[in-house]
PDB file of all heavy atoms in Angstrom:
ATOM      1  N   VAL A   1       0.836  -1.207   0.000  1.00  0.00           N
ATOM      2  CA  VAL A   1       0.000   0.000   0.000  1.00  0.00           C
ATOM      3  C   VAL A   1       0.865   1.249   0.000  1.00  0.00           C
ATOM      4  O   VAL A   1       0.569   2.230  -0.698  1.00  0.00           O
ATOM      5  CB  VAL A   1      -0.947  -0.010   1.220  1.00  0.00           C
ATOM      6  CG1 VAL A   1      -1.663   1.327   1.343  1.00  0.00           C
ATOM      7  CG2 VAL A   1      -1.959  -1.130   1.102  1.00  0.00           C
ATOM      8  N   SER A   2       1.972   1.219   0.771  1.00  0.00           N
ATOM      9  CA  SER A   2       2.888   2.359   0.809  1.00  0.00           C
ATOM     10  C   SER A   2       3.479   2.633  -0.571  1.00  0.00           C
ATOM     11  O   SER A   2       3.594   3.787  -1.002  1.00  0.00           O
ATOM     12  CB  SER A   2       4.004   2.089   1.816  1.00  0.00           C
ATOM     13  OG  SER A   2       4.942   3.142   1.822  1.00  0.00           O
ATOM     14  N   THR A   3       3.843   1.559  -1.283  1.00  0.00           N
ATOM     15  CA  THR A   3       4.381   1.714  -2.641  1.00  0.00           C
ATOM     16  C   THR A   3       3.315   2.259  -3.589  1.00  0.00           C
ATOM     17  O   THR A   3       3.578   3.141  -4.415  1.00  0.00           O
ATOM     18  CB  THR A   3       4.885   0.361  -3.174  1.00  0.00           C
ATOM     19  OG1 THR A   3       5.892  -0.146  -2.286  1.00  0.00           O
ATOM     20  CG2 THR A   3       5.477   0.507  -4.569  1.00  0.00           C
ATOM     21  N   GLY A   4       2.085   1.752  -3.451  1.00  0.00           N
ATOM     22  CA  GLY A   4       0.999   2.226  -4.299  1.00  0.00           C
ATOM     23  C   GLY A   4       0.687   3.686  -4.087  1.00  0.00           C
ATOM     24  O   GLY A   4       0.357   4.412  -5.039  1.00  0.00           O
ATOM     25  N   ARG A   5       0.795   4.148  -2.853  1.00  0.00           N
ATOM     26  CA  ARG A   5       0.504   5.557  -2.553  1.00  0.00           C
ATOM     27  C   ARG A   5       1.470   6.490  -3.266  1.00  0.00           C
ATOM     28  O   ARG A   5       1.110   7.637  -3.573  1.00  0.00           O
ATOM     29  CB  ARG A   5       0.577   5.797  -1.049  1.00  0.00           C
ATOM     30  CG  ARG A   5      -0.603   5.248  -0.261  1.00  0.00           C
ATOM     31  CD  ARG A   5      -0.534   5.684   1.181  1.00  0.00           C
ATOM     32  NE  ARG A   5      -0.562   7.137   1.281  1.00  0.00           N
ATOM     33  CZ  ARG A   5       0.217   7.840   2.086  1.00  0.00           C
ATOM     34  NH1 ARG A   5       1.112   7.239   2.860  1.00  0.00           N
ATOM     35  NH2 ARG A   5       0.114   9.160   2.127  1.00  0.00           N
ATOM     36  N   ARG A   6       2.686   6.036  -3.521  1.00  0.00           N
ATOM     37  CA  ARG A   6       3.657   6.906  -4.197  1.00  0.00           C
ATOM     38  C   ARG A   6       3.215   7.238  -5.611  1.00  0.00           C
ATOM     39  O   ARG A   6       3.530   8.318  -6.125  1.00  0.00           O
ATOM     40  CB  ARG A   6       5.038   6.229  -4.205  1.00  0.00           C
ATOM     41  CG  ARG A   6       5.764   6.353  -2.880  1.00  0.00           C
ATOM     42  CD  ARG A   6       7.256   6.210  -3.043  1.00  0.00           C
ATOM     43  NE  ARG A   6       7.919   6.652  -1.826  1.00  0.00           N
ATOM     44  CZ  ARG A   6       8.888   5.974  -1.224  1.00  0.00           C
ATOM     45  NH1 ARG A   6       9.291   4.825  -1.712  1.00  0.00           N
ATOM     46  NH2 ARG A   6       9.468   6.470  -0.154  1.00  0.00           N
ATOM     47  N   TRP A   7       2.474   6.348  -6.248  1.00  0.00           N
ATOM     48  CA  TRP A   7       1.948   6.651  -7.576  1.00  0.00           C
ATOM     49  C   TRP A   7       0.956   7.804  -7.502  1.00  0.00           C
ATOM     50  O   TRP A   7       0.924   8.664  -8.387  1.00  0.00           O
ATOM     51  CB  TRP A   7       1.263   5.406  -8.158  1.00  0.00           C
ATOM     52  CG  TRP A   7       2.220   4.352  -8.617  1.00  0.00           C
ATOM     53  CD1 TRP A   7       2.664   3.289  -7.907  1.00  0.00           C
ATOM     54  CD2 TRP A   7       2.861   4.281  -9.899  1.00  0.00           C
ATOM     55  NE1 TRP A   7       3.545   2.541  -8.656  1.00  0.00           N
ATOM     56  CE2 TRP A   7       3.680   3.131  -9.892  1.00  0.00           C
ATOM     57  CE3 TRP A   7       2.821   5.065 -11.052  1.00  0.00           C
ATOM     58  CZ2 TRP A   7       4.447   2.753 -10.989  1.00  0.00           C
ATOM     59  CZ3 TRP A   7       3.583   4.686 -12.149  1.00  0.00           C
ATOM     60  CH2 TRP A   7       4.394   3.539 -12.104  1.00  0.00           C
ATOM     61  N   PHE A   8       0.137   7.825  -6.441  1.00  0.00           N
ATOM     62  CA  PHE A   8      -0.836   8.903  -6.284  1.00  0.00           C
ATOM     63  C   PHE A   8      -0.157  10.240  -6.009  1.00  0.00           C
ATOM     64  O   PHE A   8      -0.701  11.292  -6.311  1.00  0.00           O
ATOM     65  CB  PHE A   8      -1.800   8.586  -5.139  1.00  0.00           C
ATOM     66  CG  PHE A   8      -2.675   7.391  -5.385  1.00  0.00           C
ATOM     67  CD1 PHE A   8      -2.861   6.434  -4.397  1.00  0.00           C
ATOM     68  CD2 PHE A   8      -3.318   7.212  -6.600  1.00  0.00           C
ATOM     69  CE1 PHE A   8      -3.669   5.328  -4.614  1.00  0.00           C
ATOM     70  CE2 PHE A   8      -4.120   6.104  -6.828  1.00  0.00           C
ATOM     71  CZ  PHE A   8      -4.298   5.164  -5.833  1.00  0.00           C
ATOM     72  N   ARG A   9       1.054  10.198  -5.415  1.00  0.00           N
ATOM     73  CA  ARG A   9       1.723  11.435  -5.008  1.00  0.00           C
ATOM     74  C   ARG A   9       2.624  12.029  -6.099  1.00  0.00           C
ATOM     75  O   ARG A   9       3.198  13.098  -5.887  1.00  0.00           O
ATOM     76  CB  ARG A   9       2.567  11.188  -3.746  1.00  0.00           C
ATOM     77  CG  ARG A   9       1.765  10.808  -2.524  1.00  0.00           C
ATOM     78  CD  ARG A   9       2.546  11.058  -1.247  1.00  0.00           C
ATOM     79  NE  ARG A   9       3.779  10.312  -1.180  1.00  0.00           N
ATOM     80  CZ  ARG A   9       3.933   9.138  -0.550  1.00  0.00           C
ATOM     81  NH1 ARG A   9       2.896   8.585   0.054  1.00  0.00           N
ATOM     82  NH2 ARG A   9       5.100   8.536  -0.514  1.00  0.00           N
ATOM     83  N   LEU A  10       2.738  11.351  -7.234  1.00  0.00           N
ATOM     84  CA  LEU A  10       3.673  11.818  -8.256  1.00  0.00           C
ATOM     85  C   LEU A  10       3.332  13.221  -8.758  1.00  0.00           C
ATOM     86  O   LEU A  10       4.216  13.995  -9.100  1.00  0.00           O
ATOM     87  CB  LEU A  10       3.705  10.834  -9.441  1.00  0.00           C
ATOM     88  CG  LEU A  10       4.416   9.503  -9.173  1.00  0.00           C
ATOM     89  CD1 LEU A  10       4.343   8.605 -10.410  1.00  0.00           C
ATOM     90  CD2 LEU A  10       5.881   9.736  -8.785  1.00  0.00           C
ATOM     91  N   GLY A  11       2.070  13.564  -8.850  1.00  0.00           N
ATOM     92  CA  GLY A  11       1.682  14.889  -9.342  1.00  0.00           C
ATOM     93  C   GLY A  11       1.517  15.935  -8.270  1.00  0.00           C
ATOM     94  O   GLY A  11       1.128  17.070  -8.560  1.00  0.00           O
ATOM     95  N   ASN A  12       1.832  15.560  -7.024  1.00  0.00           N
ATOM     96  CA  ASN A  12       1.587  16.490  -5.918  1.00  0.00           C
ATOM     97  C   ASN A  12       2.542  17.679  -5.896  1.00  0.00           C
ATOM     98  O   ASN A  12       2.264  18.673  -5.216  1.00  0.00           O
ATOM     99  CB  ASN A  12       1.673  15.741  -4.583  1.00  0.00           C
ATOM    100  CG  ASN A  12       0.416  14.942  -4.293  1.00  0.00           C
ATOM    101  OD1 ASN A  12      -0.560  15.029  -5.034  1.00  0.00           O
ATOM    102  ND2 ASN A  12       0.445  14.149  -3.251  1.00  0.00           N
ATOM    103  N   VAL A  13       3.667  17.577  -6.605  1.00  0.00           N
ATOM    104  CA  VAL A  13       4.583  18.720  -6.684  1.00  0.00           C
ATOM    105  C   VAL A  13       3.870  19.902  -7.329  1.00  0.00           C
ATOM    106  O   VAL A  13       3.960  21.040  -6.856  1.00  0.00           O
ATOM    107  CB  VAL A  13       5.852  18.367  -7.492  1.00  0.00           C
ATOM    108  CG1 VAL A  13       6.716  19.600  -7.693  1.00  0.00           C
ATOM    109  CG2 VAL A  13       6.648  17.279  -6.788  1.00  0.00           C
ATOM    110  N   VAL A  14       3.132  19.620  -8.402  1.00  0.00           N
ATOM    111  CA  VAL A  14       2.395  20.677  -9.106  1.00  0.00           C
ATOM    112  C   VAL A  14       1.313  21.263  -8.198  1.00  0.00           C
ATOM    113  O   VAL A  14       1.140  22.487  -8.125  1.00  0.00           O
ATOM    114  CB  VAL A  14       1.773  20.129 -10.405  1.00  0.00           C
ATOM    115  CG1 VAL A  14       0.941  21.215 -11.094  1.00  0.00           C
ATOM    116  CG2 VAL A  14       2.861  19.618 -11.333  1.00  0.00           C
ATOM    117  N   HIS A  15       0.585  20.375  -7.490  1.00  0.00           N
ATOM    118  CA  HIS A  15      -0.470  20.851  -6.582  1.00  0.00           C
ATOM    119  C   HIS A  15       0.108  21.718  -5.468  1.00  0.00           C
ATOM    120  O   HIS A  15      -0.491  22.731  -5.074  1.00  0.00           O
ATOM    121  CB  HIS A  15      -1.215  19.656  -5.980  1.00  0.00           C
ATOM    122  CG  HIS A  15      -1.976  18.842  -6.983  1.00  0.00           C
ATOM    123  ND1 HIS A  15      -2.833  19.405  -7.902  1.00  0.00           N
ATOM    124  CD2 HIS A  15      -2.000  17.505  -7.222  1.00  0.00           C
ATOM    125  CE1 HIS A  15      -3.356  18.466  -8.654  1.00  0.00           C
ATOM    126  NE2 HIS A  15      -2.866  17.296  -8.267  1.00  0.00           N
ATOM    127  N   ALA A  16       1.273  21.324  -4.945  1.00  0.00           N
ATOM    128  CA  ALA A  16       1.909  22.096  -3.873  1.00  0.00           C
ATOM    129  C   ALA A  16       2.358  23.463  -4.390  1.00  0.00           C
ATOM    130  O   ALA A  16       2.272  24.468  -3.671  1.00  0.00           O
ATOM    131  CB  ALA A  16       3.101  21.324  -3.305  1.00  0.00           C
ATOM    132  N   MET A  17       2.837  23.522  -5.640  1.00  0.00           N
ATOM    133  CA  MET A  17       3.236  24.805  -6.229  1.00  0.00           C
ATOM    134  C   MET A  17       2.019  25.712  -6.422  1.00  0.00           C
ATOM    135  O   MET A  17       2.093  26.918  -6.184  1.00  0.00           O
ATOM    136  CB  MET A  17       3.946  24.565  -7.561  1.00  0.00           C
ATOM    137  CG  MET A  17       5.307  23.883  -7.408  1.00  0.00           C
ATOM    138  SD  MET A  17       6.090  23.499  -8.999  1.00  0.00           S
ATOM    139  CE  MET A  17       6.420  25.138  -9.622  1.00  0.00           C
ATOM    140  N   GLN A  18       0.904  25.125  -6.850  1.00  0.00           N
ATOM    141  CA  GLN A  18      -0.325  25.910  -7.005  1.00  0.00           C
ATOM    142  C   GLN A  18      -0.820  26.417  -5.652  1.00  0.00           C
ATOM    143  O   GLN A  18      -1.273  27.568  -5.542  1.00  0.00           O
ATOM    144  CB  GLN A  18      -1.398  25.047  -7.675  1.00  0.00           C
ATOM    145  CG  GLN A  18      -1.126  24.737  -9.139  1.00  0.00           C
ATOM    146  CD  GLN A  18      -2.169  23.808  -9.730  1.00  0.00           C
ATOM    147  OE1 GLN A  18      -2.881  23.105  -9.006  1.00  0.00           O
ATOM    148  NE2 GLN A  18      -2.272  23.791 -11.050  1.00  0.00           N
ATOM    149  N   ALA A  19      -0.713  25.572  -4.628  1.00  0.00           N
ATOM    150  CA  ALA A  19      -1.118  25.977  -3.280  1.00  0.00           C
ATOM    151  C   ALA A  19      -0.239  27.114  -2.773  1.00  0.00           C
ATOM    152  O   ALA A  19      -0.709  28.018  -2.075  1.00  0.00           O
ATOM    153  CB  ALA A  19      -1.038  24.783  -2.328  1.00  0.00           C
ATOM    154  N   THR A  20       1.045  27.098  -3.135  1.00  0.00           N
ATOM    155  CA  THR A  20       1.959  28.173  -2.752  1.00  0.00           C
ATOM    156  C   THR A  20       1.538  29.496  -3.381  1.00  0.00           C
ATOM    157  O   THR A  20       1.513  30.541  -2.711  1.00  0.00           O
ATOM    158  CB  THR A  20       3.398  27.836  -3.176  1.00  0.00           C
ATOM    159  OG1 THR A  20       3.783  26.583  -2.607  1.00  0.00           O
ATOM    160  CG2 THR A  20       4.375  28.912  -2.713  1.00  0.00           C
ATOM    161  N   GLN A  21       1.190  29.455  -4.660  1.00  0.00           N
ATOM    162  CA  GLN A  21       0.741  30.662  -5.353  1.00  0.00           C
ATOM    163  C   GLN A  21      -0.542  31.213  -4.732  1.00  0.00           C
ATOM    164  O   GLN A  21      -0.707  32.435  -4.601  1.00  0.00           O
ATOM    165  CB  GLN A  21       0.512  30.353  -6.832  1.00  0.00           C
ATOM    166  CG  GLN A  21       1.799  30.044  -7.598  1.00  0.00           C
ATOM    167  CD  GLN A  21       1.535  29.673  -9.050  1.00  0.00           C
ATOM    168  OE1 GLN A  21       0.448  29.203  -9.394  1.00  0.00           O
ATOM    169  NE2 GLN A  21       2.512  29.875  -9.910  1.00  0.00           N
ATOM    170  N   GLN A  22      -1.446  30.329  -4.327  1.00  0.00           N
ATOM    171  CA  GLN A  22      -2.702  30.771  -3.723  1.00  0.00           C
ATOM    172  C   GLN A  22      -2.475  31.361  -2.330  1.00  0.00           C
ATOM    173  O   GLN A  22      -3.087  32.373  -1.973  1.00  0.00           O
ATOM    174  CB  GLN A  22      -3.672  29.589  -3.634  1.00  0.00           C
ATOM    175  CG  GLN A  22      -4.152  29.094  -4.991  1.00  0.00           C
ATOM    176  CD  GLN A  22      -4.974  27.824  -4.889  1.00  0.00           C
ATOM    177  OE1 GLN A  22      -5.163  27.274  -3.802  1.00  0.00           O
ATOM    178  NE2 GLN A  22      -5.459  27.334  -6.022  1.00  0.00           N
ATOM    179  N   SER A  23      -1.583  30.740  -1.543  1.00  0.00           N
ATOM    180  CA  SER A  23      -1.370  31.209  -0.171  1.00  0.00           C
ATOM    181  C   SER A  23      -0.696  32.583  -0.131  1.00  0.00           C
ATOM    182  O   SER A  23      -0.844  33.315   0.854  1.00  0.00           O
ATOM    183  CB  SER A  23      -0.512  30.194   0.603  1.00  0.00           C
ATOM    184  OG  SER A  23       0.750  30.016   0.003  1.00  0.00           O
ATOM    185  N   ILE A  24       0.024  32.942  -1.185  1.00  0.00           N
ATOM    186  CA  ILE A  24       0.659  34.266  -1.242  1.00  0.00           C
ATOM    187  C   ILE A  24      -0.391  35.378  -1.177  1.00  0.00           C
ATOM    188  O   ILE A  24      -0.124  36.475  -0.682  1.00  0.00           O
ATOM    189  CB  ILE A  24       1.511  34.392  -2.527  1.00  0.00           C
ATOM    190  CG1 ILE A  24       2.738  33.476  -2.432  1.00  0.00           C
ATOM    191  CG2 ILE A  24       1.955  35.830  -2.768  1.00  0.00           C
ATOM    192  CD1 ILE A  24       3.561  33.432  -3.694  1.00  0.00           C
ATOM    193  N   HIS A  25      -1.596  35.067  -1.641  1.00  0.00           N
ATOM    194  CA  HIS A  25      -2.660  36.070  -1.711  1.00  0.00           C
ATOM    195  C   HIS A  25      -3.573  36.056  -0.482  1.00  0.00           C
ATOM    196  O   HIS A  25      -4.625  36.709  -0.500  1.00  0.00           O
ATOM    197  CB  HIS A  25      -3.496  35.850  -2.976  1.00  0.00           C
ATOM    198  CG  HIS A  25      -2.699  35.948  -4.242  1.00  0.00           C
ATOM    199  ND1 HIS A  25      -2.170  37.120  -4.706  1.00  0.00           N
ATOM    200  CD2 HIS A  25      -2.322  34.981  -5.131  1.00  0.00           C
ATOM    201  CE1 HIS A  25      -1.507  36.903  -5.833  1.00  0.00           C
ATOM    202  NE2 HIS A  25      -1.584  35.619  -6.115  1.00  0.00           N
ATOM    203  N   ALA A  26      -3.203  35.322   0.564  1.00  0.00           N
ATOM    204  CA  ALA A  26      -4.004  35.318   1.792  1.00  0.00           C
ATOM    205  C   ALA A  26      -4.045  36.726   2.384  1.00  0.00           C
ATOM    206  O   ALA A  26      -3.035  37.441   2.397  1.00  0.00           O
ATOM    207  CB  ALA A  26      -3.421  34.332   2.798  1.00  0.00           C
ATOM    208  N   THR A  27      -5.205  37.137   2.860  1.00  0.00           N
ATOM    209  CA  THR A  27      -5.369  38.505   3.354  1.00  0.00           C
ATOM    210  C   THR A  27      -4.650  38.742   4.681  1.00  0.00           C
ATOM    211  O   THR A  27      -4.143  39.833   4.922  1.00  0.00           O
ATOM    212  CB  THR A  27      -6.874  38.823   3.532  1.00  0.00           C
ATOM    213  OG1 THR A  27      -7.462  37.813   4.366  1.00  0.00           O
ATOM    214  CG2 THR A  27      -7.583  38.829   2.186  1.00  0.00           C
ATOM    215  N   ASP A  28      -4.604  37.731   5.535  1.00  0.00           N
ATOM    216  CA  ASP A  28      -3.981  37.870   6.853  1.00  0.00           C
ATOM    217  C   ASP A  28      -2.496  37.521   6.761  1.00  0.00           C
ATOM    218  O   ASP A  28      -2.115  36.533   6.137  1.00  0.00           O
ATOM    219  CB  ASP A  28      -4.675  36.958   7.862  1.00  0.00           C
ATOM    220  CG  ASP A  28      -4.490  37.447   9.291  1.00  0.00           C
ATOM    221  OD1 ASP A  28      -3.461  38.096   9.540  1.00  0.00           O
ATOM    222  OD2 ASP A  28      -5.351  37.169  10.147  1.00  0.00           O
ATOM    223  N   LEU A  29      -1.652  38.321   7.405  1.00  0.00           N
ATOM    224  CA  LEU A  29      -0.204  38.154   7.300  1.00  0.00           C
ATOM    225  C   LEU A  29       0.274  36.813   7.829  1.00  0.00           C
ATOM    226  O   LEU A  29       1.084  36.130   7.172  1.00  0.00           O
ATOM    227  CB  LEU A  29       0.510  39.290   8.044  1.00  0.00           C
ATOM    228  CG  LEU A  29       2.044  39.188   8.105  1.00  0.00           C
ATOM    229  CD1 LEU A  29       2.643  39.223   6.706  1.00  0.00           C
ATOM    230  CD2 LEU A  29       2.612  40.318   8.967  1.00  0.00           C
ATOM    231  N   VAL A  30      -0.189  36.405   9.015  1.00  0.00           N
ATOM    232  CA  VAL A  30       0.316  35.170   9.633  1.00  0.00           C
ATOM    233  C   VAL A  30      -0.026  33.937   8.798  1.00  0.00           C
ATOM    234  O   VAL A  30       0.873  33.141   8.477  1.00  0.00           O
ATOM    235  CB  VAL A  30      -0.214  35.030  11.078  1.00  0.00           C
ATOM    236  CG1 VAL A  30       0.207  33.685  11.672  1.00  0.00           C
ATOM    237  CG2 VAL A  30       0.310  36.165  11.950  1.00  0.00           C
ATOM    238  N   PRO A  31      -1.287  33.724   8.401  1.00  0.00           N
ATOM    239  CA  PRO A  31      -1.573  32.588   7.521  1.00  0.00           C
ATOM    240  C   PRO A  31      -0.817  32.660   6.198  1.00  0.00           C
ATOM    241  O   PRO A  31      -0.374  31.635   5.681  1.00  0.00           O
ATOM    242  CB  PRO A  31      -3.088  32.680   7.293  1.00  0.00           C
ATOM    243  CG  PRO A  31      -3.598  33.399   8.479  1.00  0.00           C
ATOM    244  CD  PRO A  31      -2.529  34.402   8.815  1.00  0.00           C
ATOM    245  N   ARG A  32      -0.674  33.881   5.643  1.00  0.00           N
ATOM    246  CA  ARG A  32       0.040  34.028   4.383  1.00  0.00           C
ATOM    247  C   ARG A  32       1.486  33.563   4.507  1.00  0.00           C
ATOM    248  O   ARG A  32       1.981  32.793   3.676  1.00  0.00           O
ATOM    249  CB  ARG A  32       0.000  35.496   3.928  1.00  0.00           C
ATOM    250  CG  ARG A  32       0.727  35.719   2.604  1.00  0.00           C
ATOM    251  CD  ARG A  32       0.383  37.066   2.011  1.00  0.00           C
ATOM    252  NE  ARG A  32       0.927  38.172   2.774  1.00  0.00           N
ATOM    253  CZ  ARG A  32       0.211  39.115   3.366  1.00  0.00           C
ATOM    254  NH1 ARG A  32      -1.116  39.067   3.304  1.00  0.00           N
ATOM    255  NH2 ARG A  32       0.776  40.097   4.036  1.00  0.00           N
ATOM    256  N   LEU A  33       2.158  33.988   5.573  1.00  0.00           N
ATOM    257  CA  LEU A  33       3.557  33.616   5.785  1.00  0.00           C
ATOM    258  C   LEU A  33       3.690  32.121   6.085  1.00  0.00           C
ATOM    259  O   LEU A  33       4.519  31.419   5.477  1.00  0.00           O
ATOM    260  CB  LEU A  33       4.133  34.441   6.934  1.00  0.00           C
ATOM    261  CG  LEU A  33       5.624  34.258   7.242  1.00  0.00           C
ATOM    262  CD1 LEU A  33       6.467  34.668   6.042  1.00  0.00           C
ATOM    263  CD2 LEU A  33       6.014  35.069   8.471  1.00  0.00           C
ATOM    264  N   CYS A  34       2.860  31.630   7.009  1.00  0.00           N
ATOM    265  CA  CYS A  34       2.960  30.222   7.419  1.00  0.00           C
ATOM    266  C   CYS A  34       2.622  29.268   6.275  1.00  0.00           C
ATOM    267  O   CYS A  34       3.355  28.291   6.032  1.00  0.00           O
ATOM    268  CB  CYS A  34       2.030  29.948   8.605  1.00  0.00           C
ATOM    269  SG  CYS A  34       2.548  30.710  10.153  1.00  0.00           S
ATOM    270  N   LEU A  35       1.526  29.544   5.577  1.00  0.00           N
ATOM    271  CA  LEU A  35       1.101  28.644   4.518  1.00  0.00           C
ATOM    272  C   LEU A  35       2.033  28.679   3.316  1.00  0.00           C
ATOM    273  O   LEU A  35       2.290  27.646   2.690  1.00  0.00           O
ATOM    274  CB  LEU A  35      -0.326  28.988   4.084  1.00  0.00           C
ATOM    275  CG  LEU A  35      -1.423  28.664   5.099  1.00  0.00           C
ATOM    276  CD1 LEU A  35      -2.780  29.111   4.569  1.00  0.00           C
ATOM    277  CD2 LEU A  35      -1.447  27.170   5.403  1.00  0.00           C
ATOM    278  N   THR A  36       2.556  29.858   2.994  1.00  0.00           N
ATOM    279  CA  THR A  36       3.486  29.950   1.869  1.00  0.00           C
ATOM    280  C   THR A  36       4.758  29.147   2.152  1.00  0.00           C
ATOM    281  O   THR A  36       5.216  28.354   1.314  1.00  0.00           O
ATOM    282  CB  THR A  36       3.856  31.420   1.586  1.00  0.00           C
ATOM    283  OG1 THR A  36       2.663  32.153   1.270  1.00  0.00           O
ATOM    284  CG2 THR A  36       4.817  31.513   0.409  1.00  0.00           C
ATOM    285  N   LEU A  37       5.325  29.331   3.341  1.00  0.00           N
ATOM    286  CA  LEU A  37       6.523  28.574   3.710  1.00  0.00           C
ATOM    287  C   LEU A  37       6.229  27.083   3.841  1.00  0.00           C
ATOM    288  O   LEU A  37       7.045  26.243   3.445  1.00  0.00           O
ATOM    289  CB  LEU A  37       7.096  29.118   5.022  1.00  0.00           C
ATOM    290  CG  LEU A  37       7.689  30.528   4.967  1.00  0.00           C
ATOM    291  CD1 LEU A  37       8.119  30.987   6.353  1.00  0.00           C
ATOM    292  CD2 LEU A  37       8.874  30.570   4.000  1.00  0.00           C
ATOM    293  N   ALA A  38       5.042  26.753   4.393  1.00  0.00           N
ATOM    294  CA  ALA A  38       4.660  25.346   4.526  1.00  0.00           C
ATOM    295  C   ALA A  38       4.534  24.685   3.156  1.00  0.00           C
ATOM    296  O   ALA A  38       5.017  23.570   2.946  1.00  0.00           O
ATOM    297  CB  ALA A  38       3.346  25.225   5.296  1.00  0.00           C
ATOM    298  N   ASN A  39       3.901  25.373   2.214  1.00  0.00           N
ATOM    299  CA  ASN A  39       3.728  24.804   0.875  1.00  0.00           C
ATOM    300  C   ASN A  39       5.045  24.704   0.118  1.00  0.00           C
ATOM    301  O   ASN A  39       5.252  23.756  -0.654  1.00  0.00           O
ATOM    302  CB  ASN A  39       2.725  25.642   0.082  1.00  0.00           C
ATOM    303  CG  ASN A  39       1.296  25.433   0.545  1.00  0.00           C
ATOM    304  OD1 ASN A  39       0.899  24.321   0.859  1.00  0.00           O
ATOM    305  ND2 ASN A  39       0.518  26.494   0.597  1.00  0.00           N
ATOM    306  N   LEU A  40       5.961  25.647   0.339  1.00  0.00           N
ATOM    307  CA  LEU A  40       7.294  25.541  -0.276  1.00  0.00           C
ATOM    308  C   LEU A  40       8.031  24.311   0.240  1.00  0.00           C
ATOM    309  O   LEU A  40       8.708  23.606  -0.520  1.00  0.00           O
ATOM    310  CB  LEU A  40       8.102  26.810   0.017  1.00  0.00           C
ATOM    311  CG  LEU A  40       7.720  28.058  -0.785  1.00  0.00           C
ATOM    312  CD1 LEU A  40       8.483  29.277  -0.276  1.00  0.00           C
ATOM    313  CD2 LEU A  40       7.987  27.850  -2.273  1.00  0.00           C
ATOM    314  N   ASN A  41       7.889  24.052   1.536  1.00  0.00           N
ATOM    315  CA  ASN A  41       8.506  22.848   2.102  1.00  0.00           C
ATOM    316  C   ASN A  41       7.833  21.585   1.569  1.00  0.00           C
ATOM    317  O   ASN A  41       8.501  20.555   1.398  1.00  0.00           O
ATOM    318  CB  ASN A  41       8.430  22.892   3.632  1.00  0.00           C
ATOM    319  CG  ASN A  41       9.562  23.681   4.246  1.00  0.00           C
ATOM    320  OD1 ASN A  41      10.688  23.202   4.365  1.00  0.00           O
ATOM    321  ND2 ASN A  41       9.273  24.905   4.646  1.00  0.00           N
ATOM    322  N   ARG A  42       6.533  21.664   1.312  1.00  0.00           N
ATOM    323  CA  ARG A  42       5.834  20.524   0.714  1.00  0.00           C
ATOM    324  C   ARG A  42       6.329  20.261  -0.702  1.00  0.00           C
ATOM    325  O   ARG A  42       6.432  19.103  -1.120  1.00  0.00           O
ATOM    326  CB  ARG A  42       4.327  20.777   0.708  1.00  0.00           C
ATOM    327  CG  ARG A  42       3.676  20.585   2.062  1.00  0.00           C
ATOM    328  CD  ARG A  42       2.200  20.954   2.027  1.00  0.00           C
ATOM    329  NE  ARG A  42       1.455  20.128   1.105  1.00  0.00           N
ATOM    330  CZ  ARG A  42       0.995  18.912   1.384  1.00  0.00           C
ATOM    331  NH1 ARG A  42       1.233  18.387   2.568  1.00  0.00           N
ATOM    332  NH2 ARG A  42       0.307  18.224   0.501  1.00  0.00           N
ATOM    333  N   VAL A  43       6.647  21.313  -1.436  1.00  0.00           N
ATOM    334  CA  VAL A  43       7.206  21.142  -2.782  1.00  0.00           C
ATOM    335  C   VAL A  43       8.507  20.349  -2.699  1.00  0.00           C
ATOM    336  O   VAL A  43       8.718  19.371  -3.441  1.00  0.00           O
ATOM    337  CB  VAL A  43       7.444  22.510  -3.455  1.00  0.00           C
ATOM    338  CG1 VAL A  43       8.246  22.332  -4.745  1.00  0.00           C
ATOM    339  CG2 VAL A  43       6.119  23.208  -3.762  1.00  0.00           C
TER     340      VAL A  43
END
């Protein structure tokens, strides 16, 4: 199952990059900073 899950995660780099772009536009400073850095680490 662990090996199979890696197939599902192959495209997650793109999703994490898109999430980073979206979090940059967060209205509140703290969520914007935390989520942007978190998503960069996810990439």
